[in-house]
Amino acid sequence: MKKIEAIVQSGAKDAVVAAIKKIGVGGITVHQVQGQGSQDPPLVGQYFSRDMIICVVDDPKVDEILDAIANVACTGTKGDGKVFVTPVDDALDICTKKRGTTSI
């Protein structure tokens, strides 16, 4: 399993969520976040608002999801966002007690 964290411009959030769901991912989490890129000028106290979309998926879906996110979130300008992929060792559905991929 992999956790995908996509930080995108707020205007792209709905399109990214729709693209992820079209692939068959059921559960997602969305956060409003603020941050500053590594190449942005170091302005004290000034951050850019973005949305972070998080989902945990089976390994075979990762490339398709990354392509879908890039296709809908890319405007061709600096600041479109980043996507991070990290391994997930295990997961637990608290109510059903299912573990691993059956819990997602």
C-alpha atoms as a PDB file:
ATOM      1  CA  MET A   1       0.000   0.000   0.000  1.00  0.00           C
ATOM      2  CA  LYS A   2       1.055   3.578  -0.608  1.00  0.00           C
ATOM      3  CA  LYS A   3      -0.054   6.891   0.857  1.00  0.00           C
ATOM      4  CA  ILE A   4      -0.386   9.642  -1.742  1.00  0.00           C
ATOM      5  CA  GLU A   5      -0.308  13.228  -0.512  1.00  0.00           C
ATOM      6  CA  ALA A   6      -1.049  15.763  -3.237  1.00  0.00           C
ATOM      7  CA  ILE A   7      -0.593  19.449  -2.483  1.00  0.00           C
ATOM      8  CA  VAL A   8      -2.438  21.383  -5.179  1.00  0.00           C
ATOM      9  CA  GLN A   9      -3.775  24.838  -5.857  1.00  0.00           C
ATOM     10  CA  SER A  10      -7.158  25.294  -4.209  1.00  0.00           C
ATOM     11  CA  GLY A  11      -8.881  25.756  -7.553  1.00  0.00           C
ATOM     12  CA  ALA A  12      -7.719  22.305  -8.674  1.00  0.00           C
ATOM     13  CA  LYS A  13      -8.967  20.404  -5.601  1.00  0.00           C
ATOM     14  CA  ASP A  14     -12.345  19.328  -6.983  1.00  0.00           C
ATOM     15  CA  ALA A  15     -10.857  18.186 -10.303  1.00  0.00           C
ATOM     16  CA  VAL A  16      -8.142  16.188  -8.513  1.00  0.00           C
ATOM     17  CA  VAL A  17     -10.663  14.530  -6.200  1.00  0.00           C
ATOM     18  CA  ALA A  18     -12.887  13.650  -9.176  1.00  0.00           C
ATOM     19  CA  ALA A  19      -9.922  12.188 -11.081  1.00  0.00           C
ATOM     20  CA  ILE A  20      -8.871  10.061  -8.105  1.00  0.00           C
ATOM     21  CA  LYS A  21     -12.407   8.800  -7.525  1.00  0.00           C
ATOM     22  CA  LYS A  22     -12.781   7.965 -11.238  1.00  0.00           C
ATOM     23  CA  ILE A  23      -9.889   5.511 -10.827  1.00  0.00           C
ATOM     24  CA  GLY A  24     -11.797   3.757  -8.069  1.00  0.00           C
ATOM     25  CA  VAL A  25     -10.335   5.208  -4.894  1.00  0.00           C
ATOM     26  CA  GLY A  26     -13.109   5.448  -2.341  1.00  0.00           C
ATOM     27  CA  GLY A  27     -11.625   7.190   0.662  1.00  0.00           C
ATOM     28  CA  ILE A  28      -9.827  10.504   0.625  1.00  0.00           C
ATOM     29  CA  THR A  29      -8.971  13.198   3.149  1.00  0.00           C
ATOM     30  CA  VAL A  30      -8.750  16.888   2.245  1.00  0.00           C
ATOM     31  CA  HIS A  31      -6.975  19.553   4.290  1.00  0.00           C
ATOM     32  CA  GLN A  32      -6.510  23.257   3.718  1.00  0.00           C
ATOM     33  CA  VAL A  33      -2.791  23.870   4.163  1.00  0.00           C
ATOM     34  CA  GLN A  34      -0.333  26.724   3.958  1.00  0.00           C
ATOM     35  CA  GLY A  35       3.299  26.580   2.985  1.00  0.00           C
ATOM     36  CA  GLN A  36       6.156  27.956   1.001  1.00  0.00           C
ATOM     37  CA  GLY A  37       8.177  26.288  -1.716  1.00  0.00           C
ATOM     38  CA  SER A  38      11.937  25.934  -1.477  1.00  0.00           C
ATOM     39  CA  GLN A  39      12.475  28.453  -4.273  1.00  0.00           C
ATOM     40  CA  ASP A  40       9.987  31.013  -2.966  1.00  0.00           C
ATOM     41  CA  PRO A  41      11.454  34.165  -1.444  1.00  0.00           C
ATOM     42  CA  PRO A  42      11.793  33.862   2.340  1.00  0.00           C
ATOM     43  CA  LEU A  43       9.008  36.248   3.280  1.00  0.00           C
ATOM     44  CA  VAL A  44       8.501  36.114   7.021  1.00  0.00           C
ATOM     45  CA  GLY A  45       4.975  35.069   7.933  1.00  0.00           C
ATOM     46  CA  GLN A  46       3.734  34.862   4.319  1.00  0.00           C
ATOM     47  CA  TYR A  47       2.561  31.481   3.088  1.00  0.00           C
ATOM     48  CA  PHE A  48       0.618  30.271   0.084  1.00  0.00           C
ATOM     49  CA  SER A  49      -2.746  28.552   0.611  1.00  0.00           C
ATOM     50  CA  ARG A  50      -3.132  25.141  -0.977  1.00  0.00           C
ATOM     51  CA  ASP A  51      -5.214  22.017  -0.514  1.00  0.00           C
ATOM     52  CA  MET A  52      -3.765  18.650   0.448  1.00  0.00           C
ATOM     53  CA  ILE A  53      -5.529  15.532  -0.761  1.00  0.00           C
ATOM     54  CA  ILE A  54      -4.533  12.287   0.940  1.00  0.00           C
ATOM     55  CA  CYS A  55      -5.440   8.740  -0.021  1.00  0.00           C
ATOM     56  CA  VAL A  56      -4.070   5.258   0.638  1.00  0.00           C
ATOM     57  CA  VAL A  57      -4.148   2.888  -2.323  1.00  0.00           C
ATOM     58  CA  ASP A  58      -2.978  -0.499  -3.538  1.00  0.00           C
ATOM     59  CA  ASP A  59       0.426  -0.359  -5.220  1.00  0.00           C
ATOM     60  CA  PRO A  60      -0.842  -1.123  -8.759  1.00  0.00           C
ATOM     61  CA  LYS A  61      -2.970   2.057  -8.770  1.00  0.00           C
ATOM     62  CA  VAL A  62      -0.166   4.480  -7.863  1.00  0.00           C
ATOM     63  CA  ASP A  63       1.093   5.362 -11.362  1.00  0.00           C
ATOM     64  CA  GLU A  64      -2.429   5.828 -12.701  1.00  0.00           C
ATOM     65  CA  ILE A  65      -3.317   8.133  -9.824  1.00  0.00           C
ATOM     66  CA  LEU A  66      -0.135  10.172 -10.208  1.00  0.00           C
ATOM     67  CA  ASP A  67      -0.826  10.621 -13.924  1.00  0.00           C
ATOM     68  CA  ALA A  68      -4.423  11.646 -13.226  1.00  0.00           C
ATOM     69  CA  ILE A  69      -3.366  14.221 -10.631  1.00  0.00           C
ATOM     70  CA  ALA A  70      -0.728  15.698 -12.935  1.00  0.00           C
ATOM     71  CA  ASN A  71      -3.163  15.873 -15.856  1.00  0.00           C
ATOM     72  CA  VAL A  72      -5.829  17.826 -13.993  1.00  0.00           C
ATOM     73  CA  ALA A  73      -3.694  19.940 -11.618  1.00  0.00           C
ATOM     74  CA  CYS A  74      -1.022  21.170 -14.040  1.00  0.00           C
ATOM     75  CA  THR A  75      -1.494  24.716 -15.314  1.00  0.00           C
ATOM     76  CA  GLY A  76       2.050  24.955 -16.607  1.00  0.00           C
ATOM     77  CA  THR A  77       3.028  27.636 -14.140  1.00  0.00           C
ATOM     78  CA  LYS A  78       5.200  27.610 -11.038  1.00  0.00           C
ATOM     79  CA  GLY A  79       3.356  26.643  -7.879  1.00  0.00           C
ATOM     80  CA  ASP A  80       1.036  23.956  -9.262  1.00  0.00           C
ATOM     81  CA  GLY A  81       2.016  21.728  -6.337  1.00  0.00           C
ATOM     82  CA  LYS A  82       3.734  18.509  -5.385  1.00  0.00           C
ATOM     83  CA  VAL A  83       2.770  14.881  -4.834  1.00  0.00           C
ATOM     84  CA  PHE A  84       4.485  12.675  -2.281  1.00  0.00           C
ATOM     85  CA  VAL A  85       4.231   8.877  -2.198  1.00  0.00           C
ATOM     86  CA  THR A  86       5.181   6.945   0.927  1.00  0.00           C
ATOM     87  CA  PRO A  87       4.900   3.276   1.865  1.00  0.00           C
ATOM     88  CA  VAL A  88       2.194   2.150   4.280  1.00  0.00           C
ATOM     89  CA  ASP A  89       3.097  -0.978   6.227  1.00  0.00           C
ATOM     90  CA  ASP A  90      -0.361  -1.711   7.587  1.00  0.00           C
ATOM     91  CA  ALA A  91      -3.807  -0.208   8.102  1.00  0.00           C
ATOM     92  CA  LEU A  92      -6.701  -0.974  10.419  1.00  0.00           C
ATOM     93  CA  ASP A  93     -10.397  -0.250  10.011  1.00  0.00           C
ATOM     94  CA  ILE A  94     -11.302   0.468  13.614  1.00  0.00           C
ATOM     95  CA  CYS A  95     -14.903  -0.725  13.388  1.00  0.00           C
ATOM     96  CA  THR A  96     -14.552  -3.871  11.260  1.00  0.00           C
ATOM     97  CA  LYS A  97     -11.046  -4.750  12.494  1.00  0.00           C
ATOM     98  CA  LYS A  98     -10.007  -5.431   8.883  1.00  0.00           C
ATOM     99  CA  ARG A  99      -6.319  -4.937   8.237  1.00  0.00           C
ATOM    100  CA  GLY A 100      -4.073  -4.262   5.286  1.00  0.00           C
ATOM    101  CA  THR A 101      -5.539  -3.614   1.867  1.00  0.00           C
ATOM    102  CA  THR A 102      -8.940  -4.949   2.932  1.00  0.00           C
ATOM    103  CA  SER A 103      -9.225  -1.999   5.336  1.00  0.00           C
ATOM    104  CA  ILE A 104      -8.976   0.587   2.569  1.00  0.00           C
END
